[in-house]
Amino acid sequence: MDNLPTARDLRAKMAQIEGERASAAMKAHAAAEAEKKAFIDRLSRPSGLTDEQVLEKASHIVSRAVANGLTSVQVLRFPNHLCTDNGRAIDQAEEGWEETLTGIPKELLAFSKRQLEPRGYHLTFAVVDRPGGLRGDIGVTLSWG
């Protein structure tokens, strides 16, 4: 009995496996893109949280950071296209950069001015990566040190 497949059979089997891998990779990529789009959509709209709810979240974040010996922590990272100028004013530290914010980043800055700054905290916005040399994501850091 001959159990050795032919080279042609092996090539067909390899092509089938490669097709299945490519299909799985495409599905994973599509799922990741859908998740990213949902995240951006959520960031584009108001959070619906009260100041008390955000203060509670901030308290947990700060407590964990302090327990780890930190005096600052990144609290949000978002795509630069959530800014009306794609983050240019933030990157250049231009006066009025705050006016370019939209959605939750804008809400977070307003919350900081109302609730955090009076308590001695500082919120900073900065470009945190440059993929391919281009302006990338904006990071929001809360500091108290």
N, C-alpha and C. Protein backbone atom coordinates (compact mmCIF):
# COMPACT_ATOMS: atom_id res chain seq x y z
N MET A 1 0.85 -1.19 0.00
CA MET A 1 0.00 0.00 0.00
C MET A 1 0.89 1.23 0.00
N ASP A 2 0.56 2.22 -0.83
CA ASP A 2 1.38 3.42 -1.02
C ASP A 2 0.76 4.59 -0.28
N ASN A 3 1.35 4.96 0.89
CA ASN A 3 0.81 6.06 1.69
C ASN A 3 1.51 7.39 1.43
N LEU A 4 2.52 7.39 0.60
CA LEU A 4 3.27 8.60 0.31
C LEU A 4 2.51 9.45 -0.71
N PRO A 5 2.09 10.67 -0.31
CA PRO A 5 1.36 11.51 -1.27
C PRO A 5 2.29 11.99 -2.38
N THR A 6 1.70 12.35 -3.47
CA THR A 6 2.50 12.88 -4.58
C THR A 6 2.88 14.32 -4.28
N ALA A 7 3.89 14.79 -4.96
CA ALA A 7 4.32 16.18 -4.80
C ALA A 7 3.19 17.13 -5.17
N ARG A 8 2.43 16.76 -6.17
CA ARG A 8 1.28 17.59 -6.59
C ARG A 8 0.24 17.68 -5.47
N ASP A 9 -0.03 16.54 -4.80
CA ASP A 9 -0.97 16.52 -3.68
C ASP A 9 -0.47 17.41 -2.54
N LEU A 10 0.84 17.35 -2.27
CA LEU A 10 1.43 18.17 -1.20
C LEU A 10 1.32 19.66 -1.53
N ARG A 11 1.59 20.01 -2.76
CA ARG A 11 1.46 21.43 -3.17
C ARG A 11 0.02 21.91 -3.01
N ALA A 12 -0.93 21.07 -3.37
CA ALA A 12 -2.34 21.43 -3.23
C ALA A 12 -2.70 21.60 -1.76
N LYS A 13 -2.20 20.68 -0.92
CA LYS A 13 -2.48 20.77 0.51
C LYS A 13 -1.85 22.04 1.10
N MET A 14 -0.62 22.35 0.70
CA MET A 14 0.06 23.57 1.18
C MET A 14 -0.69 24.83 0.73
N ALA A 15 -1.18 24.83 -0.49
CA ALA A 15 -1.95 25.98 -0.98
C ALA A 15 -3.23 26.16 -0.18
N GLN A 16 -3.87 25.04 0.15
CA GLN A 16 -5.09 25.10 0.96
C GLN A 16 -4.78 25.67 2.34
N ILE A 17 -3.71 25.20 2.97
CA ILE A 17 -3.32 25.68 4.30
C ILE A 17 -2.98 27.17 4.24
N GLU A 18 -2.24 27.56 3.23
CA GLU A 18 -1.87 28.97 3.08
C GLU A 18 -3.12 29.84 2.88
N GLY A 19 -4.08 29.35 2.12
CA GLY A 19 -5.33 30.09 1.93
C GLY A 19 -6.11 30.24 3.23
N GLU A 20 -6.13 29.19 4.03
CA GLU A 20 -6.80 29.26 5.33
C GLU A 20 -6.12 30.25 6.26
N ARG A 21 -4.78 30.26 6.22
CA ARG A 21 -4.03 31.22 7.05
C ARG A 21 -4.31 32.66 6.61
N ALA A 22 -4.32 32.88 5.31
CA ALA A 22 -4.59 34.22 4.78
C ALA A 22 -6.00 34.67 5.15
N SER A 23 -6.95 33.76 5.06
CA SER A 23 -8.33 34.07 5.42
C SER A 23 -8.44 34.44 6.90
N ALA A 24 -7.76 33.67 7.76
CA ALA A 24 -7.78 33.95 9.19
C ALA A 24 -7.12 35.30 9.48
N ALA A 25 -6.03 35.60 8.79
CA ALA A 25 -5.36 36.89 8.98
C ALA A 25 -6.25 38.04 8.54
N MET A 26 -6.96 37.87 7.43
CA MET A 26 -7.87 38.92 6.97
C MET A 26 -9.01 39.14 7.96
N LYS A 27 -9.54 38.06 8.51
CA LYS A 27 -10.61 38.18 9.50
C LYS A 27 -10.11 38.88 10.76
N ALA A 28 -8.91 38.53 11.21
CA ALA A 28 -8.33 39.17 12.39
C ALA A 28 -8.09 40.66 12.14
N HIS A 29 -7.60 40.99 10.96
CA HIS A 29 -7.37 42.40 10.61
C HIS A 29 -8.69 43.16 10.57
N ALA A 30 -9.70 42.57 9.98
CA ALA A 30 -11.02 43.22 9.91
C ALA A 30 -11.59 43.43 11.30
N ALA A 31 -11.42 42.45 12.18
CA ALA A 31 -11.92 42.58 13.56
C ALA A 31 -11.17 43.69 14.30
N ALA A 32 -9.85 43.76 14.10
CA ALA A 32 -9.05 44.80 14.75
C ALA A 32 -9.46 46.19 14.23
N GLU A 33 -9.69 46.31 12.94
CA GLU A 33 -10.12 47.59 12.37
C GLU A 33 -11.49 47.99 12.90
N ALA A 34 -12.40 47.05 13.03
CA ALA A 34 -13.74 47.33 13.56
C ALA A 34 -13.63 47.78 15.01
N GLU A 35 -12.76 47.12 15.78
CA GLU A 35 -12.57 47.51 17.18
C GLU A 35 -11.98 48.91 17.28
N LYS A 36 -11.02 49.21 16.42
CA LYS A 36 -10.40 50.55 16.40
C LYS A 36 -11.44 51.61 16.04
N LYS A 37 -12.27 51.32 15.03
CA LYS A 37 -13.31 52.27 14.62
C LYS A 37 -14.30 52.50 15.76
N ALA A 38 -14.69 51.44 16.45
CA ALA A 38 -15.63 51.57 17.58
C ALA A 38 -15.01 52.42 18.68
N PHE A 39 -13.71 52.22 18.95
CA PHE A 39 -13.01 53.00 19.97
C PHE A 39 -12.98 54.48 19.59
N ILE A 40 -12.67 54.77 18.35
CA ILE A 40 -12.62 56.16 17.88
C ILE A 40 -14.00 56.78 17.91
N ASP A 41 -15.02 56.02 17.51
CA ASP A 41 -16.40 56.52 17.58
C ASP A 41 -16.77 56.87 19.02
N ARG A 42 -16.38 55.99 19.96
CA ARG A 42 -16.68 56.24 21.37
C ARG A 42 -15.96 57.49 21.88
N LEU A 43 -14.71 57.67 21.46
CA LEU A 43 -13.95 58.85 21.88
C LEU A 43 -14.49 60.14 21.26
N SER A 44 -15.18 60.02 20.15
CA SER A 44 -15.69 61.20 19.44
C SER A 44 -16.94 61.78 20.09
N ARG A 45 -17.57 61.00 20.95
CA ARG A 45 -18.82 61.43 21.58
C ARG A 45 -18.62 61.67 23.08
N PRO A 46 -19.50 62.43 23.70
CA PRO A 46 -19.41 62.63 25.15
C PRO A 46 -19.46 61.30 25.89
N SER A 47 -18.76 61.22 27.01
CA SER A 47 -18.70 59.98 27.77
C SER A 47 -19.99 59.68 28.52
N GLY A 48 -20.71 60.73 28.92
CA GLY A 48 -21.92 60.53 29.71
C GLY A 48 -21.63 60.32 31.19
N LEU A 49 -20.37 60.42 31.59
CA LEU A 49 -20.01 60.23 33.00
C LEU A 49 -20.14 61.54 33.77
N THR A 50 -20.51 61.43 35.03
CA THR A 50 -20.57 62.60 35.90
C THR A 50 -19.16 62.90 36.43
N ASP A 51 -18.97 64.11 36.97
CA ASP A 51 -17.68 64.45 37.57
C ASP A 51 -17.33 63.47 38.69
N GLU A 52 -18.32 63.06 39.46
CA GLU A 52 -18.07 62.13 40.55
C GLU A 52 -17.55 60.78 40.03
N GLN A 53 -18.13 60.30 38.94
CA GLN A 53 -17.68 59.04 38.36
C GLN A 53 -16.25 59.15 37.83
N VAL A 54 -15.95 60.26 37.18
CA VAL A 54 -14.60 60.45 36.65
C VAL A 54 -13.61 60.62 37.79
N LEU A 55 -14.00 61.34 38.85
CA LEU A 55 -13.12 61.48 40.02
C LEU A 55 -12.80 60.12 40.64
N GLU A 56 -13.79 59.25 40.69
CA GLU A 56 -13.56 57.91 41.25
C GLU A 56 -12.55 57.14 40.40
N LYS A 57 -12.70 57.22 39.08
CA LYS A 57 -11.75 56.56 38.18
C LYS A 57 -10.36 57.16 38.34
N ALA A 58 -10.29 58.47 38.41
CA ALA A 58 -9.00 59.15 38.58
C ALA A 58 -8.34 58.73 39.89
N SER A 59 -9.12 58.62 40.93
CA SER A 59 -8.59 58.21 42.23
C SER A 59 -7.94 56.84 42.16
N HIS A 60 -8.58 55.90 41.47
CA HIS A 60 -8.01 54.55 41.32
C HIS A 60 -6.71 54.60 40.52
N ILE A 61 -6.71 55.37 39.44
CA ILE A 61 -5.52 55.47 38.58
C ILE A 61 -4.36 56.07 39.37
N VAL A 62 -4.63 57.16 40.09
CA VAL A 62 -3.58 57.84 40.86
C VAL A 62 -3.08 56.93 41.99
N SER A 63 -3.97 56.24 42.67
CA SER A 63 -3.57 55.35 43.76
C SER A 63 -2.63 54.25 43.27
N ARG A 64 -2.97 53.65 42.13
CA ARG A 64 -2.10 52.60 41.55
C ARG A 64 -0.74 53.17 41.17
N ALA A 65 -0.74 54.35 40.56
CA ALA A 65 0.51 54.97 40.14
C ALA A 65 1.40 55.29 41.33
N VAL A 66 0.81 55.87 42.37
CA VAL A 66 1.57 56.22 43.58
C VAL A 66 2.13 54.95 44.23
N ALA A 67 1.35 53.88 44.27
CA ALA A 67 1.82 52.62 44.83
C ALA A 67 3.03 52.08 44.07
N ASN A 68 3.14 52.46 42.80
CA ASN A 68 4.27 52.04 41.98
C ASN A 68 5.38 53.09 41.94
N GLY A 69 5.27 54.11 42.80
CA GLY A 69 6.31 55.13 42.89
C GLY A 69 6.31 56.15 41.77
N LEU A 70 5.20 56.31 41.08
CA LEU A 70 5.12 57.25 39.96
C LEU A 70 4.56 58.59 40.39
N THR A 71 4.93 59.63 39.67
CA THR A 71 4.36 60.96 39.91
C THR A 71 3.57 61.44 38.69
N SER A 72 3.41 60.55 37.71
CA SER A 72 2.59 60.87 36.54
C SER A 72 2.16 59.56 35.89
N VAL A 73 1.08 59.64 35.12
CA VAL A 73 0.57 58.45 34.44
C VAL A 73 -0.18 58.89 33.18
N GLN A 74 0.01 58.13 32.09
CA GLN A 74 -0.75 58.40 30.88
C GLN A 74 -2.17 57.88 31.09
N VAL A 75 -3.15 58.77 30.94
CA VAL A 75 -4.53 58.39 31.19
C VAL A 75 -5.35 58.17 29.92
N LEU A 76 -4.82 58.63 28.78
CA LEU A 76 -5.54 58.46 27.52
C LEU A 76 -4.55 58.58 26.37
N ARG A 77 -4.81 57.80 25.35
CA ARG A 77 -4.05 57.91 24.09
C ARG A 77 -5.08 57.83 22.99
N PHE A 78 -5.01 58.78 22.05
CA PHE A 78 -6.02 58.80 21.00
C PHE A 78 -5.40 59.22 19.68
N PRO A 79 -6.03 58.84 18.55
CA PRO A 79 -5.52 59.21 17.23
C PRO A 79 -5.55 60.72 17.03
N ASN A 80 -4.52 61.24 16.37
CA ASN A 80 -4.44 62.69 16.17
C ASN A 80 -5.61 63.25 15.36
N HIS A 81 -6.27 62.42 14.57
CA HIS A 81 -7.37 62.96 13.75
C HIS A 81 -8.62 63.28 14.57
N LEU A 82 -8.59 63.01 15.89
CA LEU A 82 -9.68 63.49 16.74
C LEU A 82 -9.51 64.98 17.05
N CYS A 83 -8.37 65.55 16.68
CA CYS A 83 -8.17 67.00 16.79
C CYS A 83 -8.55 67.61 15.44
N THR A 84 -9.11 68.79 15.48
CA THR A 84 -9.57 69.41 14.25
C THR A 84 -8.42 69.72 13.29
N ASP A 85 -7.18 69.77 13.80
CA ASP A 85 -6.01 70.04 12.94
C ASP A 85 -5.03 68.87 12.92
N ASN A 86 -5.54 67.66 13.27
CA ASN A 86 -4.72 66.45 13.31
C ASN A 86 -3.55 66.56 14.28
N GLY A 87 -3.72 67.34 15.34
CA GLY A 87 -2.72 67.43 16.39
C GLY A 87 -1.59 68.42 16.15
N ARG A 88 -1.67 69.19 15.07
CA ARG A 88 -0.60 70.13 14.72
C ARG A 88 -0.36 71.16 15.82
N ALA A 89 -1.42 71.77 16.33
CA ALA A 89 -1.26 72.81 17.36
C ALA A 89 -0.69 72.23 18.65
N ILE A 90 -1.09 71.03 19.01
CA ILE A 90 -0.53 70.38 20.20
C ILE A 90 0.96 70.13 19.96
N ASP A 91 1.30 69.61 18.80
CA ASP A 91 2.68 69.30 18.46
C ASP A 91 3.56 70.55 18.49
N GLN A 92 3.01 71.67 18.06
CA GLN A 92 3.77 72.92 18.01
C GLN A 92 3.61 73.75 19.28
N ALA A 93 2.85 73.24 20.26
CA ALA A 93 2.58 73.95 21.52
C ALA A 93 2.06 75.37 21.25
N GLU A 94 1.16 75.46 20.29
CA GLU A 94 0.59 76.76 19.92
C GLU A 94 -0.46 77.20 20.93
N GLU A 95 -0.52 78.50 21.12
CA GLU A 95 -1.57 79.06 21.97
C GLU A 95 -2.92 78.71 21.34
N GLY A 96 -3.87 78.30 22.17
CA GLY A 96 -5.20 77.95 21.68
C GLY A 96 -5.32 76.51 21.20
N TRP A 97 -4.29 75.67 21.43
CA TRP A 97 -4.35 74.28 20.99
C TRP A 97 -5.56 73.56 21.57
N GLU A 98 -6.02 74.03 22.73
CA GLU A 98 -7.16 73.39 23.40
C GLU A 98 -8.41 73.41 22.53
N GLU A 99 -8.52 74.43 21.69
CA GLU A 99 -9.71 74.58 20.83
C GLU A 99 -9.76 73.52 19.73
N THR A 100 -8.67 72.80 19.51
CA THR A 100 -8.65 71.78 18.45
C THR A 100 -9.16 70.43 18.94
N LEU A 101 -9.36 70.29 20.25
CA LEU A 101 -9.83 69.02 20.81
C LEU A 101 -11.31 68.79 20.53
N THR A 102 -11.68 67.52 20.41
CA THR A 102 -13.09 67.15 20.24
C THR A 102 -13.39 65.96 21.15
N GLY A 103 -14.65 65.65 21.31
CA GLY A 103 -15.07 64.44 22.02
C GLY A 103 -14.54 64.33 23.44
N ILE A 104 -14.19 63.11 23.81
CA ILE A 104 -13.73 62.83 25.17
C ILE A 104 -12.44 63.58 25.52
N PRO A 105 -11.47 63.72 24.60
CA PRO A 105 -10.29 64.52 24.98
C PRO A 105 -10.66 65.94 25.40
N LYS A 106 -11.61 66.56 24.70
CA LYS A 106 -12.06 67.90 25.06
C LYS A 106 -12.76 67.88 26.42
N GLU A 107 -13.58 66.85 26.63
CA GLU A 107 -14.29 66.68 27.89
C GLU A 107 -13.30 66.48 29.04
N LEU A 108 -12.26 65.71 28.79
CA LEU A 108 -11.25 65.45 29.82
C LEU A 108 -10.51 66.72 30.21
N LEU A 109 -10.19 67.56 29.24
CA LEU A 109 -9.52 68.82 29.55
C LEU A 109 -10.42 69.72 30.39
N ALA A 110 -11.69 69.81 30.03
CA ALA A 110 -12.62 70.63 30.80
C ALA A 110 -12.77 70.09 32.23
N PHE A 111 -12.83 68.76 32.36
CA PHE A 111 -12.90 68.14 33.68
C PHE A 111 -11.66 68.48 34.50
N SER A 112 -10.51 68.43 33.87
CA SER A 112 -9.27 68.74 34.55
C SER A 112 -9.28 70.16 35.09
N LYS A 113 -9.73 71.09 34.29
CA LYS A 113 -9.78 72.49 34.73
C LYS A 113 -10.74 72.67 35.91
N ARG A 114 -11.87 71.95 35.88
CA ARG A 114 -12.86 72.05 36.95
C ARG A 114 -12.44 71.34 38.23
N GLN A 115 -11.93 70.13 38.09
CA GLN A 115 -11.76 69.25 39.24
C GLN A 115 -10.31 68.95 39.63
N LEU A 116 -9.43 68.83 38.66
CA LEU A 116 -8.07 68.38 38.97
C LEU A 116 -7.10 69.51 39.26
N GLU A 117 -7.11 70.55 38.42
CA GLU A 117 -6.19 71.66 38.64
C GLU A 117 -6.35 72.30 40.02
N PRO A 118 -7.58 72.51 40.50
CA PRO A 118 -7.72 73.07 41.86
C PRO A 118 -7.10 72.17 42.94
N ARG A 119 -6.92 70.90 42.64
CA ARG A 119 -6.32 69.95 43.60
C ARG A 119 -4.80 69.81 43.39
N GLY A 120 -4.24 70.57 42.46
CA GLY A 120 -2.79 70.55 42.23
C GLY A 120 -2.31 69.58 41.17
N TYR A 121 -3.22 69.00 40.38
CA TYR A 121 -2.84 68.09 39.31
C TYR A 121 -2.65 68.87 38.01
N HIS A 122 -1.88 68.28 37.10
CA HIS A 122 -1.65 68.89 35.79
C HIS A 122 -1.92 67.85 34.71
N LEU A 123 -2.58 68.28 33.65
CA LEU A 123 -2.88 67.42 32.52
C LEU A 123 -2.11 67.96 31.33
N THR A 124 -1.33 67.11 30.66
CA THR A 124 -0.60 67.54 29.47
C THR A 124 -0.98 66.68 28.28
N PHE A 125 -1.01 67.30 27.12
CA PHE A 125 -1.31 66.64 25.85
C PHE A 125 -0.06 66.75 24.99
N ALA A 126 0.38 65.64 24.41
CA ALA A 126 1.58 65.66 23.57
C ALA A 126 1.52 64.54 22.53
N VAL A 127 2.17 64.76 21.40
CA VAL A 127 2.31 63.71 20.40
C VAL A 127 3.25 62.66 21.00
N VAL A 128 2.82 61.41 21.03
CA VAL A 128 3.61 60.37 21.69
C VAL A 128 4.25 59.35 20.74
N ASP A 129 3.95 59.44 19.46
CA ASP A 129 4.66 58.60 18.50
C ASP A 129 4.64 59.27 17.13
N ARG A 130 5.57 58.83 16.29
CA ARG A 130 5.71 59.40 14.95
C ARG A 130 5.96 58.27 13.95
N PRO A 131 4.90 57.53 13.62
CA PRO A 131 5.09 56.43 12.66
C PRO A 131 5.49 56.96 11.29
N GLY A 132 6.58 56.43 10.78
CA GLY A 132 7.06 56.89 9.47
C GLY A 132 7.46 58.35 9.46
N GLY A 133 7.76 58.91 10.64
CA GLY A 133 8.16 60.32 10.73
C GLY A 133 6.98 61.29 10.75
N LEU A 134 5.76 60.76 10.68
CA LEU A 134 4.57 61.61 10.68
C LEU A 134 3.99 61.69 12.09
N ARG A 135 3.24 62.76 12.35
CA ARG A 135 2.59 62.93 13.65
C ARG A 135 1.63 61.78 13.89
N GLY A 136 1.74 61.16 15.08
CA GLY A 136 0.90 60.01 15.41
C GLY A 136 -0.07 60.32 16.52
N ASP A 137 -0.22 59.37 17.42
CA ASP A 137 -1.19 59.47 18.51
C ASP A 137 -0.84 60.59 19.48
N ILE A 138 -1.89 61.06 20.14
CA ILE A 138 -1.75 62.07 21.20
C ILE A 138 -1.91 61.35 22.53
N GLY A 139 -0.98 61.60 23.44
CA GLY A 139 -1.05 61.03 24.77
C GLY A 139 -1.46 62.11 25.77
N VAL A 140 -2.26 61.72 26.74
CA VAL A 140 -2.70 62.63 27.79
C VAL A 140 -2.12 62.10 29.10
N THR A 141 -1.32 62.93 29.75
CA THR A 141 -0.64 62.52 30.97
C THR A 141 -1.11 63.36 32.14
N LEU A 142 -1.44 62.68 33.24
CA LEU A 142 -1.83 63.32 34.48
C LEU A 142 -0.62 63.28 35.40
N SER A 143 -0.23 64.43 35.96
CA SER A 143 0.92 64.46 36.86
C SER A 143 0.57 65.22 38.13
N TRP A 144 1.31 64.94 39.18
CA TRP A 144 1.07 65.56 40.49
C TRP A 144 2.35 65.76 41.25
N GLY A 145 3.48 65.49 40.63
CA GLY A 145 4.77 65.56 41.34
C GLY A 145 5.42 66.91 41.26
